Amino acid sequence: NLDHKTGEEVIALMKQSSREKKITYIFSTHDQKVMDQADRVVRIW
């Protein structure tokens, strides 16, 4: 529900918190922005 720029900012924020605080994040998504930032992409069909 976010525009492209805001979505990028939110993903970057979560990625930063993951790195700094060692937080594990698991996303369900079909957004390429999220996939581009992920450590690993698991595809389900």
PDB file of all heavy atoms in Angstrom:
ATOM      1  N   ASN A   1       0.807  -1.216   0.000  1.00  0.00           N
ATOM      2  CA  ASN A   1       0.000   0.000   0.000  1.00  0.00           C
ATOM      3  C   ASN A   1       0.845   1.273   0.000  1.00  0.00           C
ATOM      4  O   ASN A   1       0.355   2.346   0.362  1.00  0.00           O
ATOM      5  CB  ASN A   1      -0.942   0.011   1.213  1.00  0.00           C
ATOM      6  CG  ASN A   1      -2.039  -1.035   1.074  1.00  0.00           C
ATOM      7  OD1 ASN A   1      -2.434  -1.379  -0.036  1.00  0.00           O
ATOM      8  ND2 ASN A   1      -2.514  -1.552   2.192  1.00  0.00           N
ATOM      9  N   LEU A   2       2.112   1.137  -0.407  1.00  0.00           N
ATOM     10  CA  LEU A   2       3.014   2.286  -0.424  1.00  0.00           C
ATOM     11  C   LEU A   2       3.450   2.586  -1.859  1.00  0.00           C
ATOM     12  O   LEU A   2       3.550   1.677  -2.678  1.00  0.00           O
ATOM     13  CB  LEU A   2       4.251   2.001   0.438  1.00  0.00           C
ATOM     14  CG  LEU A   2       3.992   1.615   1.899  1.00  0.00           C
ATOM     15  CD1 LEU A   2       5.308   1.280   2.587  1.00  0.00           C
ATOM     16  CD2 LEU A   2       3.267   2.727   2.645  1.00  0.00           C
ATOM     17  N   ASP A   3       3.721   3.863  -2.131  1.00  0.00           N
ATOM     18  CA  ASP A   3       4.252   4.203  -3.450  1.00  0.00           C
ATOM     19  C   ASP A   3       5.691   3.696  -3.565  1.00  0.00           C
ATOM     20  O   ASP A   3       6.305   3.268  -2.579  1.00  0.00           O
ATOM     21  CB  ASP A   3       4.176   5.715  -3.693  1.00  0.00           C
ATOM     22  CG  ASP A   3       4.992   6.518  -2.701  1.00  0.00           C
ATOM     23  OD1 ASP A   3       6.238   6.402  -2.715  1.00  0.00           O
ATOM     24  OD2 ASP A   3       4.407   7.258  -1.890  1.00  0.00           O
ATOM     25  N   HIS A   4       6.230   3.748  -4.766  1.00  0.00           N
ATOM     26  CA  HIS A   4       7.532   3.123  -5.024  1.00  0.00           C
ATOM     27  C   HIS A   4       8.634   3.693  -4.124  1.00  0.00           C
ATOM     28  O   HIS A   4       9.379   2.935  -3.489  1.00  0.00           O
ATOM     29  CB  HIS A   4       7.917   3.329  -6.497  1.00  0.00           C
ATOM     30  CG  HIS A   4       9.206   2.674  -6.873  1.00  0.00           C
ATOM     31  ND1 HIS A   4       9.295   1.335  -7.212  1.00  0.00           N
ATOM     32  CD2 HIS A   4      10.477   3.169  -6.949  1.00  0.00           C
ATOM     33  CE1 HIS A   4      10.555   1.036  -7.474  1.00  0.00           C
ATOM     34  NE2 HIS A   4      11.288   2.129  -7.331  1.00  0.00           N
ATOM     35  N   LYS A   5       8.737   5.018  -4.050  1.00  0.00           N
ATOM     36  CA  LYS A   5       9.804   5.641  -3.268  1.00  0.00           C
ATOM     37  C   LYS A   5       9.661   5.313  -1.785  1.00  0.00           C
ATOM     38  O   LYS A   5      10.643   4.971  -1.115  1.00  0.00           O
ATOM     39  CB  LYS A   5       9.795   7.159  -3.485  1.00  0.00           C
ATOM     40  CG  LYS A   5      10.912   7.899  -2.763  1.00  0.00           C
ATOM     41  CD  LYS A   5      10.895   9.378  -3.113  1.00  0.00           C
ATOM     42  CE  LYS A   5      12.054  10.126  -2.447  1.00  0.00           C
ATOM     43  NZ  LYS A   5      11.978  10.090  -0.976  1.00  0.00           N
ATOM     44  N   THR A   6       8.441   5.437  -1.269  1.00  0.00           N
ATOM     45  CA  THR A   6       8.214   5.148   0.149  1.00  0.00           C
ATOM     46  C   THR A   6       8.484   3.684   0.449  1.00  0.00           C
ATOM     47  O   THR A   6       9.060   3.348   1.484  1.00  0.00           O
ATOM     48  CB  THR A   6       6.778   5.516   0.550  1.00  0.00           C
ATOM     49  OG1 THR A   6       6.531   6.889   0.236  1.00  0.00           O
ATOM     50  CG2 THR A   6       6.540   5.293   2.038  1.00  0.00           C
ATOM     51  N   GLY A   7       8.086   2.805  -0.475  1.00  0.00           N
ATOM     52  CA  GLY A   7       8.361   1.387  -0.302  1.00  0.00           C
ATOM     53  C   GLY A   7       9.847   1.110  -0.202  1.00  0.00           C
ATOM     54  O   GLY A   7      10.296   0.309   0.637  1.00  0.00           O
ATOM     55  N   GLU A   8      10.629   1.756  -1.047  1.00  0.00           N
ATOM     56  CA  GLU A   8      12.088   1.590  -1.005  1.00  0.00           C
ATOM     57  C   GLU A   8      12.640   2.056   0.339  1.00  0.00           C
ATOM     58  O   GLU A   8      13.532   1.417   0.915  1.00  0.00           O
ATOM     59  CB  GLU A   8      12.743   2.372  -2.135  1.00  0.00           C
ATOM     60  CG  GLU A   8      12.591   1.732  -3.510  1.00  0.00           C
ATOM     61  CD  GLU A   8      13.402   2.469  -4.558  1.00  0.00           C
ATOM     62  OE1 GLU A   8      13.584   3.704  -4.408  1.00  0.00           O
ATOM     63  OE2 GLU A   8      13.849   1.814  -5.516  1.00  0.00           O
ATOM     64  N   GLU A   9      12.128   3.179   0.845  1.00  0.00           N
ATOM     65  CA  GLU A   9      12.610   3.718   2.119  1.00  0.00           C
ATOM     66  C   GLU A   9      12.283   2.765   3.272  1.00  0.00           C
ATOM     67  O   GLU A   9      13.112   2.543   4.171  1.00  0.00           O
ATOM     68  CB  GLU A   9      11.983   5.088   2.377  1.00  0.00           C
ATOM     69  CG  GLU A   9      12.464   6.170   1.416  1.00  0.00           C
ATOM     70  CD  GLU A   9      11.684   7.453   1.554  1.00  0.00           C
ATOM     71  OE1 GLU A   9      10.648   7.457   2.273  1.00  0.00           O
ATOM     72  OE2 GLU A   9      12.097   8.471   0.950  1.00  0.00           O
ATOM     73  N   VAL A  10      11.086   2.190   3.248  1.00  0.00           N
ATOM     74  CA  VAL A  10      10.670   1.277   4.313  1.00  0.00           C
ATOM     75  C   VAL A  10      11.515   0.003   4.297  1.00  0.00           C
ATOM     76  O   VAL A  10      11.953  -0.488   5.346  1.00  0.00           O
ATOM     77  CB  VAL A  10       9.160   0.954   4.173  1.00  0.00           C
ATOM     78  CG1 VAL A  10       8.781  -0.258   5.016  1.00  0.00           C
ATOM     79  CG2 VAL A  10       8.336   2.168   4.587  1.00  0.00           C
ATOM     80  N   ILE A  11      11.769  -0.534   3.106  1.00  0.00           N
ATOM     81  CA  ILE A  11      12.603  -1.735   2.996  1.00  0.00           C
ATOM     82  C   ILE A  11      14.024  -1.446   3.471  1.00  0.00           C
ATOM     83  O   ILE A  11      14.634  -2.253   4.190  1.00  0.00           O
ATOM     84  CB  ILE A  11      12.606  -2.261   1.555  1.00  0.00           C
ATOM     85  CG1 ILE A  11      11.220  -2.780   1.173  1.00  0.00           C
ATOM     86  CG2 ILE A  11      13.636  -3.383   1.399  1.00  0.00           C
ATOM     87  CD1 ILE A  11      10.692  -3.875   2.065  1.00  0.00           C
ATOM     88  N   ALA A  12      14.561  -0.293   3.086  1.00  0.00           N
ATOM     89  CA  ALA A  12      15.912   0.080   3.524  1.00  0.00           C
ATOM     90  C   ALA A  12      15.978   0.202   5.042  1.00  0.00           C
ATOM     91  O   ALA A  12      16.971  -0.208   5.666  1.00  0.00           O
ATOM     92  CB  ALA A  12      16.326   1.402   2.867  1.00  0.00           C
ATOM     93  N   LEU A  13      14.917   0.729   5.644  1.00  0.00           N
ATOM     94  CA  LEU A  13      14.864   0.864   7.094  1.00  0.00           C
ATOM     95  C   LEU A  13      14.881  -0.503   7.770  1.00  0.00           C
ATOM     96  O   LEU A  13      15.618  -0.732   8.738  1.00  0.00           O
ATOM     97  CB  LEU A  13      13.602   1.637   7.490  1.00  0.00           C
ATOM     98  CG  LEU A  13      13.352   1.831   8.979  1.00  0.00           C
ATOM     99  CD1 LEU A  13      14.456   2.664   9.603  1.00  0.00           C
ATOM    100  CD2 LEU A  13      11.999   2.502   9.199  1.00  0.00           C
ATOM    101  N   MET A  14      14.089  -1.439   7.249  1.00  0.00           N
ATOM    102  CA  MET A  14      14.067  -2.779   7.833  1.00  0.00           C
ATOM    103  C   MET A  14      15.398  -3.492   7.621  1.00  0.00           C
ATOM    104  O   MET A  14      15.885  -4.203   8.511  1.00  0.00           O
ATOM    105  CB  MET A  14      12.896  -3.583   7.252  1.00  0.00           C
ATOM    106  CG  MET A  14      11.551  -3.129   7.781  1.00  0.00           C
ATOM    107  SD  MET A  14      10.169  -4.213   7.324  1.00  0.00           S
ATOM    108  CE  MET A  14       9.756  -3.554   5.720  1.00  0.00           C
ATOM    109  N   LYS A  15      16.008  -3.304   6.456  1.00  0.00           N
ATOM    110  CA  LYS A  15      17.309  -3.916   6.193  1.00  0.00           C
ATOM    111  C   LYS A  15      18.356  -3.371   7.164  1.00  0.00           C
ATOM    112  O   LYS A  15      19.187  -4.131   7.695  1.00  0.00           O
ATOM    113  CB  LYS A  15      17.714  -3.618   4.745  1.00  0.00           C
ATOM    114  CG  LYS A  15      18.995  -4.321   4.273  1.00  0.00           C
ATOM    115  CD  LYS A  15      18.770  -5.793   4.055  1.00  0.00           C
ATOM    116  CE  LYS A  15      19.989  -6.491   3.457  1.00  0.00           C
ATOM    117  NZ  LYS A  15      20.137  -6.266   2.020  1.00  0.00           N
ATOM    118  N   GLN A  16      18.304  -2.076   7.424  1.00  0.00           N
ATOM    119  CA  GLN A  16      19.249  -1.472   8.359  1.00  0.00           C
ATOM    120  C   GLN A  16      19.068  -2.046   9.757  1.00  0.00           C
ATOM    121  O   GLN A  16      20.043  -2.376  10.445  1.00  0.00           O
ATOM    122  CB  GLN A  16      19.063   0.043   8.386  1.00  0.00           C
ATOM    123  CG  GLN A  16      19.996   0.768   9.347  1.00  0.00           C
ATOM    124  CD  GLN A  16      19.758   2.265   9.356  1.00  0.00           C
ATOM    125  OE1 GLN A  16      19.024   2.811   8.521  1.00  0.00           O
ATOM    126  NE2 GLN A  16      20.365   2.958  10.298  1.00  0.00           N
ATOM    127  N   SER A  17      17.811  -2.168  10.204  1.00  0.00           N
ATOM    128  CA  SER A  17      17.559  -2.715  11.543  1.00  0.00           C
ATOM    129  C   SER A  17      17.981  -4.171  11.632  1.00  0.00           C
ATOM    130  O   SER A  17      18.465  -4.635  12.671  1.00  0.00           O
ATOM    131  CB  SER A  17      16.083  -2.566  11.915  1.00  0.00           C
ATOM    132  OG  SER A  17      15.260  -3.435  11.159  1.00  0.00           O
ATOM    133  N   SER A  18      17.833  -4.900  10.529  1.00  0.00           N
ATOM    134  CA  SER A  18      18.270  -6.291  10.507  1.00  0.00           C
ATOM    135  C   SER A  18      19.775  -6.384  10.708  1.00  0.00           C
ATOM    136  O   SER A  18      20.271  -7.241  11.464  1.00  0.00           O
ATOM    137  CB  SER A  18      17.868  -6.935   9.172  1.00  0.00           C
ATOM    138  OG  SER A  18      18.354  -8.257   9.073  1.00  0.00           O
ATOM    139  N   ARG A  19      20.515  -5.501  10.046  1.00  0.00           N
ATOM    140  CA  ARG A  19      21.972  -5.527  10.145  1.00  0.00           C
ATOM    141  C   ARG A  19      22.446  -5.042  11.517  1.00  0.00           C
ATOM    142  O   ARG A  19      23.327  -5.644  12.132  1.00  0.00           O
ATOM    143  CB  ARG A  19      22.582  -4.651   9.047  1.00  0.00           C
ATOM    144  CG  ARG A  19      22.385  -5.196   7.650  1.00  0.00           C
ATOM    145  CD  ARG A  19      23.186  -6.484   7.453  1.00  0.00           C
ATOM    146  NE  ARG A  19      22.862  -7.116   6.170  1.00  0.00           N
ATOM    147  CZ  ARG A  19      21.970  -8.079   6.030  1.00  0.00           C
ATOM    148  NH1 ARG A  19      21.293  -8.532   7.077  1.00  0.00           N
ATOM    149  NH2 ARG A  19      21.736  -8.608   4.838  1.00  0.00           N
ATOM    150  N   GLU A  20      21.878  -3.943  11.984  1.00  0.00           N
ATOM    151  CA  GLU A  20      22.366  -3.333  13.225  1.00  0.00           C
ATOM    152  C   GLU A  20      21.942  -4.103  14.465  1.00  0.00           C
ATOM    153  O   GLU A  20      22.705  -4.213  15.431  1.00  0.00           O
ATOM    154  CB  GLU A  20      21.876  -1.881  13.326  1.00  0.00           C
ATOM    155  CG  GLU A  20      22.489  -0.965  12.275  1.00  0.00           C
ATOM    156  CD  GLU A  20      21.979   0.451  12.382  1.00  0.00           C
ATOM    157  OE1 GLU A  20      21.032   0.691  13.165  1.00  0.00           O
ATOM    158  OE2 GLU A  20      22.528   1.334  11.677  1.00  0.00           O
ATOM    159  N   LYS A  21      20.712  -4.634  14.469  1.00  0.00           N
ATOM    160  CA  LYS A  21      20.171  -5.286  15.655  1.00  0.00           C
ATOM    161  C   LYS A  21      20.086  -6.807  15.525  1.00  0.00           C
ATOM    162  O   LYS A  21      19.579  -7.485  16.407  1.00  0.00           O
ATOM    163  CB  LYS A  21      18.775  -4.725  15.968  1.00  0.00           C
ATOM    164  CG  LYS A  21      18.749  -3.222  16.202  1.00  0.00           C
ATOM    165  CD  LYS A  21      17.341  -2.727  16.430  1.00  0.00           C
ATOM    166  CE  LYS A  21      17.281  -1.215  16.580  1.00  0.00           C
ATOM    167  NZ  LYS A  21      17.988  -0.725  17.763  1.00  0.00           N
ATOM    168  N   LYS A  22      20.597  -7.332  14.394  1.00  0.00           N
ATOM    169  CA  LYS A  22      20.559  -8.785  14.147  1.00  0.00           C
ATOM    170  C   LYS A  22      19.129  -9.330  14.209  1.00  0.00           C
ATOM    171  O   LYS A  22      18.869 -10.404  14.751  1.00  0.00           O
ATOM    172  CB  LYS A  22      21.440  -9.525  15.153  1.00  0.00           C
ATOM    173  CG  LYS A  22      22.881  -9.042  15.205  1.00  0.00           C
ATOM    174  CD  LYS A  22      23.579  -9.211  13.866  1.00  0.00           C
ATOM    175  CE  LYS A  22      25.039  -8.776  13.947  1.00  0.00           C
ATOM    176  NZ  LYS A  22      25.706  -8.795  12.621  1.00  0.00           N
ATOM    177  N   ILE A  23      18.188  -8.566  13.664  1.00  0.00           N
ATOM    178  CA  ILE A  23      16.787  -8.981  13.646  1.00  0.00           C
ATOM    179  C   ILE A  23      16.536  -9.846  12.411  1.00  0.00           C
ATOM    180  O   ILE A  23      16.953  -9.504  11.306  1.00  0.00           O
ATOM    181  CB  ILE A  23      15.847  -7.760  13.628  1.00  0.00           C
ATOM    182  CG1 ILE A  23      16.034  -6.932  14.907  1.00  0.00           C
ATOM    183  CG2 ILE A  23      14.399  -8.183  13.489  1.00  0.00           C
ATOM    184  CD1 ILE A  23      15.242  -5.632  14.899  1.00  0.00           C
ATOM    185  N   THR A  24      15.852 -10.955  12.601  1.00  0.00           N
ATOM    186  CA  THR A  24      15.457 -11.826  11.495  1.00  0.00           C
ATOM    187  C   THR A  24      14.139 -11.331  10.923  1.00  0.00           C
ATOM    188  O   THR A  24      13.165 -11.145  11.657  1.00  0.00           O
ATOM    189  CB  THR A  24      15.306 -13.271  11.988  1.00  0.00           C
ATOM    190  OG1 THR A  24      16.525 -13.691  12.592  1.00  0.00           O
ATOM    191  CG2 THR A  24      14.944 -14.208  10.844  1.00  0.00           C
ATOM    192  N   TYR A  25      14.107 -11.118   9.612  1.00  0.00           N
ATOM    193  CA  TYR A  25      12.877 -10.720   8.924  1.00  0.00           C
ATOM    194  C   TYR A  25      12.501 -11.801   7.919  1.00  0.00           C
ATOM    195  O   TYR A  25      13.358 -12.312   7.186  1.00  0.00           O
ATOM    196  CB  TYR A  25      13.075  -9.410   8.155  1.00  0.00           C
ATOM    197  CG  TYR A  25      13.018  -8.154   8.979  1.00  0.00           C
ATOM    198  CD1 TYR A  25      14.161  -7.649   9.583  1.00  0.00           C
ATOM    199  CD2 TYR A  25      11.822  -7.459   9.150  1.00  0.00           C
ATOM    200  CE1 TYR A  25      14.128  -6.473  10.327  1.00  0.00           C
ATOM    201  CE2 TYR A  25      11.768  -6.282   9.887  1.00  0.00           C
ATOM    202  CZ  TYR A  25      12.927  -5.801  10.470  1.00  0.00           C
ATOM    203  OH  TYR A  25      12.877  -4.645  11.202  1.00  0.00           O
ATOM    204  N   ILE A  26      11.213 -12.125   7.870  1.00  0.00           N
ATOM    205  CA  ILE A  26      10.687 -13.038   6.859  1.00  0.00           C
ATOM    206  C   ILE A  26       9.512 -12.335   6.182  1.00  0.00           C
ATOM    207  O   ILE A  26       8.529 -11.985   6.836  1.00  0.00           O
ATOM    208  CB  ILE A  26      10.221 -14.370   7.475  1.00  0.00           C
ATOM    209  CG1 ILE A  26      11.347 -14.990   8.301  1.00  0.00           C
ATOM    210  CG2 ILE A  26       9.759 -15.331   6.383  1.00  0.00           C
ATOM    211  CD1 ILE A  26      10.908 -16.185   9.121  1.00  0.00           C
ATOM    212  N   PHE A  27       9.628 -12.122   4.882  1.00  0.00           N
ATOM    213  CA  PHE A  27       8.610 -11.404   4.117  1.00  0.00           C
ATOM    214  C   PHE A  27       7.816 -12.377   3.255  1.00  0.00           C
ATOM    215  O   PHE A  27       8.372 -13.329   2.704  1.00  0.00           O
ATOM    216  CB  PHE A  27       9.259 -10.397   3.165  1.00  0.00           C
ATOM    217  CG  PHE A  27      10.035  -9.311   3.834  1.00  0.00           C
ATOM    218  CD1 PHE A  27      11.355  -9.507   4.223  1.00  0.00           C
ATOM    219  CD2 PHE A  27       9.456  -8.079   4.071  1.00  0.00           C
ATOM    220  CE1 PHE A  27      12.074  -8.507   4.832  1.00  0.00           C
ATOM    221  CE2 PHE A  27      10.172  -7.061   4.674  1.00  0.00           C
ATOM    222  CZ  PHE A  27      11.485  -7.281   5.063  1.00  0.00           C
ATOM    223  N   SER A  28       6.538 -12.123   3.107  1.00  0.00           N
ATOM    224  CA  SER A  28       5.800 -12.668   1.972  1.00  0.00           C
ATOM    225  C   SER A  28       5.604 -11.505   1.010  1.00  0.00           C
ATOM    226  O   SER A  28       5.203 -10.414   1.423  1.00  0.00           O
ATOM    227  CB  SER A  28       4.449 -13.255   2.400  1.00  0.00           C
ATOM    228  OG  SER A  28       3.550 -12.232   2.777  1.00  0.00           O
ATOM    229  N   THR A  29       5.925 -11.719  -0.255  1.00  0.00           N
ATOM    230  CA  THR A  29       5.933 -10.572  -1.163  1.00  0.00           C
ATOM    231  C   THR A  29       5.883 -11.014  -2.622  1.00  0.00           C
ATOM    232  O   THR A  29       6.233 -12.147  -2.956  1.00  0.00           O
ATOM    233  CB  THR A  29       7.206  -9.723  -0.932  1.00  0.00           C
ATOM    234  OG1 THR A  29       7.114  -8.508  -1.680  1.00  0.00           O
ATOM    235  CG2 THR A  29       8.459 -10.480  -1.330  1.00  0.00           C
ATOM    236  N   HIS A  30       5.419 -10.111  -3.475  1.00  0.00           N
ATOM    237  CA  HIS A  30       5.678 -10.248  -4.906  1.00  0.00           C
ATOM    238  C   HIS A  30       6.292  -8.950  -5.433  1.00  0.00           C
ATOM    239  O   HIS A  30       6.294  -8.680  -6.619  1.00  0.00           O
ATOM    240  CB  HIS A  30       4.393 -10.602  -5.685  1.00  0.00           C
ATOM    241  CG  HIS A  30       3.287  -9.597  -5.521  1.00  0.00           C
ATOM    242  ND1 HIS A  30       2.258  -9.769  -4.637  1.00  0.00           N
ATOM    243  CD2 HIS A  30       3.068  -8.414  -6.134  1.00  0.00           C
ATOM    244  CE1 HIS A  30       1.432  -8.731  -4.707  1.00  0.00           C
ATOM    245  NE2 HIS A  30       1.906  -7.896  -5.616  1.00  0.00           N
ATOM    246  N   ASP A  31       6.848  -8.166  -4.487  1.00  0.00           N
ATOM    247  CA  ASP A  31       7.457  -6.871  -4.798  1.00  0.00           C
ATOM    248  C   ASP A  31       8.941  -7.077  -5.105  1.00  0.00           C
ATOM    249  O   ASP A  31       9.709  -7.545  -4.258  1.00  0.00           O
ATOM    250  CB  ASP A  31       7.275  -5.937  -3.604  1.00  0.00           C
ATOM    251  CG  ASP A  31       7.720  -4.511  -3.892  1.00  0.00           C
ATOM    252  OD1 ASP A  31       8.474  -4.296  -4.863  1.00  0.00           O
ATOM    253  OD2 ASP A  31       7.310  -3.610  -3.137  1.00  0.00           O
ATOM    254  N   GLN A  32       9.354  -6.684  -6.294  1.00  0.00           N
ATOM    255  CA  GLN A  32      10.750  -6.873  -6.687  1.00  0.00           C
ATOM    256  C   GLN A  32      11.704  -6.071  -5.807  1.00  0.00           C
ATOM    257  O   GLN A  32      12.845  -6.481  -5.592  1.00  0.00           O
ATOM    258  CB  GLN A  32      10.928  -6.471  -8.165  1.00  0.00           C
ATOM    259  CG  GLN A  32      12.285  -6.852  -8.753  1.00  0.00           C
ATOM    260  CD  GLN A  32      12.532  -8.347  -8.746  1.00  0.00           C
ATOM    261  OE1 GLN A  32      11.677  -9.124  -9.147  1.00  0.00           O
ATOM    262  NE2 GLN A  32      13.715  -8.757  -8.289  1.00  0.00           N
ATOM    263  N   LYS A  33      11.235  -4.943  -5.270  1.00  0.00           N
ATOM    264  CA  LYS A  33      12.092  -4.136  -4.394  1.00  0.00           C
ATOM    265  C   LYS A  33      12.515  -4.950  -3.170  1.00  0.00           C
ATOM    266  O   LYS A  33      13.666  -4.869  -2.723  1.00  0.00           O
ATOM    267  CB  LYS A  33      11.346  -2.875  -3.929  1.00  0.00           C
ATOM    268  CG  LYS A  33      10.994  -1.891  -5.019  1.00  0.00           C
ATOM    269  CD  LYS A  33      10.483  -0.589  -4.445  1.00  0.00           C
ATOM    270  CE  LYS A  33       9.216  -0.737  -3.620  1.00  0.00           C
ATOM    271  NZ  LYS A  33       8.066  -1.192  -4.420  1.00  0.00           N
ATOM    272  N   VAL A  34      11.578  -5.697  -2.612  1.00  0.00           N
ATOM    273  CA  VAL A  34      11.881  -6.522  -1.441  1.00  0.00           C
ATOM    274  C   VAL A  34      12.847  -7.640  -1.836  1.00  0.00           C
ATOM    275  O   VAL A  34      13.839  -7.899  -1.146  1.00  0.00           O
ATOM    276  CB  VAL A  34      10.592  -7.115  -0.842  1.00  0.00           C
ATOM    277  CG1 VAL A  34      10.912  -8.008   0.354  1.00  0.00           C
ATOM    278  CG2 VAL A  34       9.631  -6.008  -0.432  1.00  0.00           C
ATOM    279  N   MET A  35      12.577  -8.280  -2.957  1.00  0.00           N
ATOM    280  CA  MET A  35      13.436  -9.374  -3.401  1.00  0.00           C
ATOM    281  C   MET A  35      14.863  -8.906  -3.675  1.00  0.00           C
ATOM    282  O   MET A  35      15.834  -9.605  -3.377  1.00  0.00           O
ATOM    283  CB  MET A  35      12.839 -10.030  -4.654  1.00  0.00           C
ATOM    284  CG  MET A  35      11.558 -10.799  -4.395  1.00  0.00           C
ATOM    285  SD  MET A  35      10.916 -11.570  -5.912  1.00  0.00           S
ATOM    286  CE  MET A  35       9.498 -10.538  -6.232  1.00  0.00           C
ATOM    287  N   ASP A  36      14.997  -7.693  -4.216  1.00  0.00           N
ATOM    288  CA  ASP A  36      16.320  -7.163  -4.525  1.00  0.00           C
ATOM    289  C   ASP A  36      17.152  -6.947  -3.258  1.00  0.00           C
ATOM    290  O   ASP A  36      18.384  -7.023  -3.297  1.00  0.00           O
ATOM    291  CB  ASP A  36      16.207  -5.844  -5.290  1.00  0.00           C
ATOM    292  CG  ASP A  36      15.717  -6.032  -6.714  1.00  0.00           C
ATOM    293  OD1 ASP A  36      15.767  -7.169  -7.215  1.00  0.00           O
ATOM    294  OD2 ASP A  36      15.262  -5.036  -7.314  1.00  0.00           O
ATOM    295  N   GLN A  37      16.492  -6.656  -2.147  1.00  0.00           N
ATOM    296  CA  GLN A  37      17.196  -6.365  -0.897  1.00  0.00           C
ATOM    297  C   GLN A  37      17.381  -7.606  -0.023  1.00  0.00           C
ATOM    298  O   GLN A  37      18.150  -7.574   0.945  1.00  0.00           O
ATOM    299  CB  GLN A  37      16.436  -5.299  -0.097  1.00  0.00           C
ATOM    300  CG  GLN A  37      16.463  -3.919  -0.720  1.00  0.00           C
ATOM    301  CD  GLN A  37      17.866  -3.352  -0.784  1.00  0.00           C
ATOM    302  OE1 GLN A  37      18.644  -3.490   0.142  1.00  0.00           O
ATOM    303  NE2 GLN A  37      18.201  -2.716  -1.899  1.00  0.00           N
ATOM    304  N   ALA A  38      16.696  -8.693  -0.344  1.00  0.00           N
ATOM    305  CA  ALA A  38      16.732  -9.885   0.506  1.00  0.00           C
ATOM    306  C   ALA A  38      18.086 -10.578   0.450  1.00  0.00           C
ATOM    307  O   ALA A  38      18.770 -10.566  -0.581  1.00  0.00           O
ATOM    308  CB  ALA A  38      15.637 -10.853   0.081  1.00  0.00           C
ATOM    309  N   ASP A  39      18.471 -11.197   1.568  1.00  0.00           N
ATOM    310  CA  ASP A  39      19.650 -12.063   1.583  1.00  0.00           C
ATOM    311  C   ASP A  39      19.400 -13.311   0.742  1.00  0.00           C
ATOM    312  O   ASP A  39      20.317 -13.847   0.123  1.00  0.00           O
ATOM    313  CB  ASP A  39      19.975 -12.498   3.014  1.00  0.00           C
ATOM    314  CG  ASP A  39      20.327 -11.337   3.921  1.00  0.00           C
ATOM    315  OD1 ASP A  39      20.862 -10.344   3.420  1.00  0.00           O
ATOM    316  OD2 ASP A  39      20.060 -11.431   5.139  1.00  0.00           O
ATOM    317  N   ARG A  40      18.147 -13.757   0.754  1.00  0.00           N
ATOM    318  CA  ARG A  40      17.786 -14.975   0.030  1.00  0.00           C
ATOM    319  C   ARG A  40      16.315 -14.868  -0.373  1.00  0.00           C
ATOM    320  O   ARG A  40      15.499 -14.340   0.379  1.00  0.00           O
ATOM    321  CB  ARG A  40      17.994 -16.201   0.930  1.00  0.00           C
ATOM    322  CG  ARG A  40      17.614 -17.532   0.312  1.00  0.00           C
ATOM    323  CD  ARG A  40      18.214 -18.698   1.117  1.00  0.00           C
ATOM    324  NE  ARG A  40      17.772 -18.727   2.490  1.00  0.00           N
ATOM    325  CZ  ARG A  40      16.950 -19.662   3.006  1.00  0.00           C
ATOM    326  NH1 ARG A  40      16.478 -20.630   2.230  1.00  0.00           N
ATOM    327  NH2 ARG A  40      16.625 -19.619   4.282  1.00  0.00           N
ATOM    328  N   VAL A  41      16.005 -15.350  -1.552  1.00  0.00           N
ATOM    329  CA  VAL A  41      14.619 -15.371  -2.034  1.00  0.00           C
ATOM    330  C   VAL A  41      14.192 -16.828  -2.187  1.00  0.00           C
ATOM    331  O   VAL A  41      14.841 -17.606  -2.893  1.00  0.00           O
ATOM    332  CB  VAL A  41      14.482 -14.634  -3.385  1.00  0.00           C
ATOM    333  CG1 VAL A  41      13.034 -14.736  -3.883  1.00  0.00           C
ATOM    334  CG2 VAL A  41      14.905 -13.170  -3.244  1.00  0.00           C
ATOM    335  N   VAL A  42      13.114 -17.181  -1.508  1.00  0.00           N
ATOM    336  CA  VAL A  42      12.497 -18.502  -1.650  1.00  0.00           C
ATOM    337  C   VAL A  42      11.244 -18.311  -2.489  1.00  0.00           C
ATOM    338  O   VAL A  42      10.351 -17.555  -2.105  1.00  0.00           O
ATOM    339  CB  VAL A  42      12.146 -19.103  -0.269  1.00  0.00           C
ATOM    340  CG1 VAL A  42      11.334 -20.382  -0.438  1.00  0.00           C
ATOM    341  CG2 VAL A  42      13.407 -19.374   0.531  1.00  0.00           C
ATOM    342  N   ARG A  43      11.189 -18.979  -3.621  1.00  0.00           N
ATOM    343  CA  ARG A  43      10.035 -18.806  -4.519  1.00  0.00           C
ATOM    344  C   ARG A  43       9.057 -19.958  -4.343  1.00  0.00           C
ATOM    345  O   ARG A  43       9.450 -21.131  -4.310  1.00  0.00           O
ATOM    346  CB  ARG A  43      10.508 -18.713  -5.969  1.00  0.00           C
ATOM    347  CG  ARG A  43      11.420 -17.513  -6.192  1.00  0.00           C
ATOM    348  CD  ARG A  43      11.773 -17.297  -7.655  1.00  0.00           C
ATOM    349  NE  ARG A  43      12.693 -16.184  -7.812  1.00  0.00           N
ATOM    350  CZ  ARG A  43      12.329 -14.905  -7.886  1.00  0.00           C
ATOM    351  NH1 ARG A  43      11.038 -14.605  -7.841  1.00  0.00           N
ATOM    352  NH2 ARG A  43      13.228 -13.951  -8.006  1.00  0.00           N
ATOM    353  N   ILE A  44       7.794 -19.586  -4.226  1.00  0.00           N
ATOM    354  CA  ILE A  44       6.744 -20.575  -4.033  1.00  0.00           C
ATOM    355  C   ILE A  44       5.704 -20.412  -5.134  1.00  0.00           C
ATOM    356  O   ILE A  44       5.349 -19.291  -5.514  1.00  0.00           O
ATOM    357  CB  ILE A  44       6.128 -20.441  -2.618  1.00  0.00           C
ATOM    358  CG1 ILE A  44       5.157 -21.569  -2.325  1.00  0.00           C
ATOM    359  CG2 ILE A  44       5.483 -19.082  -2.424  1.00  0.00           C
ATOM    360  CD1 ILE A  44       4.746 -21.647  -0.866  1.00  0.00           C
ATOM    361  N   TRP A  45       5.266 -21.539  -5.660  1.00  0.00           N
ATOM    362  CA  TRP A  45       4.290 -21.537  -6.749  1.00  0.00           C
ATOM    363  C   TRP A  45       3.332 -22.696  -6.515  1.00  0.00           C
ATOM    364  O   TRP A  45       3.749 -23.846  -6.390  1.00  0.00           O
ATOM    365  CB  TRP A  45       5.001 -21.685  -8.095  1.00  0.00           C
ATOM    366  CG  TRP A  45       4.059 -21.636  -9.282  1.00  0.00           C
ATOM    367  CD1 TRP A  45       3.381 -22.688  -9.832  1.00  0.00           C
ATOM    368  CD2 TRP A  45       3.695 -20.482 -10.026  1.00  0.00           C
ATOM    369  NE1 TRP A  45       2.608 -22.264 -10.871  1.00  0.00           N
ATOM    370  CE2 TRP A  45       2.777 -20.911 -11.034  1.00  0.00           C
ATOM    371  CE3 TRP A  45       4.058 -19.140  -9.960  1.00  0.00           C
ATOM    372  CZ2 TRP A  45       2.222 -20.026 -11.948  1.00  0.00           C
ATOM    373  CZ3 TRP A  45       3.486 -18.269 -10.876  1.00  0.00           C
ATOM    374  CH2 TRP A  45       2.585 -18.708 -11.845  1.00  0.00           C
TER     375      TRP A  45
END
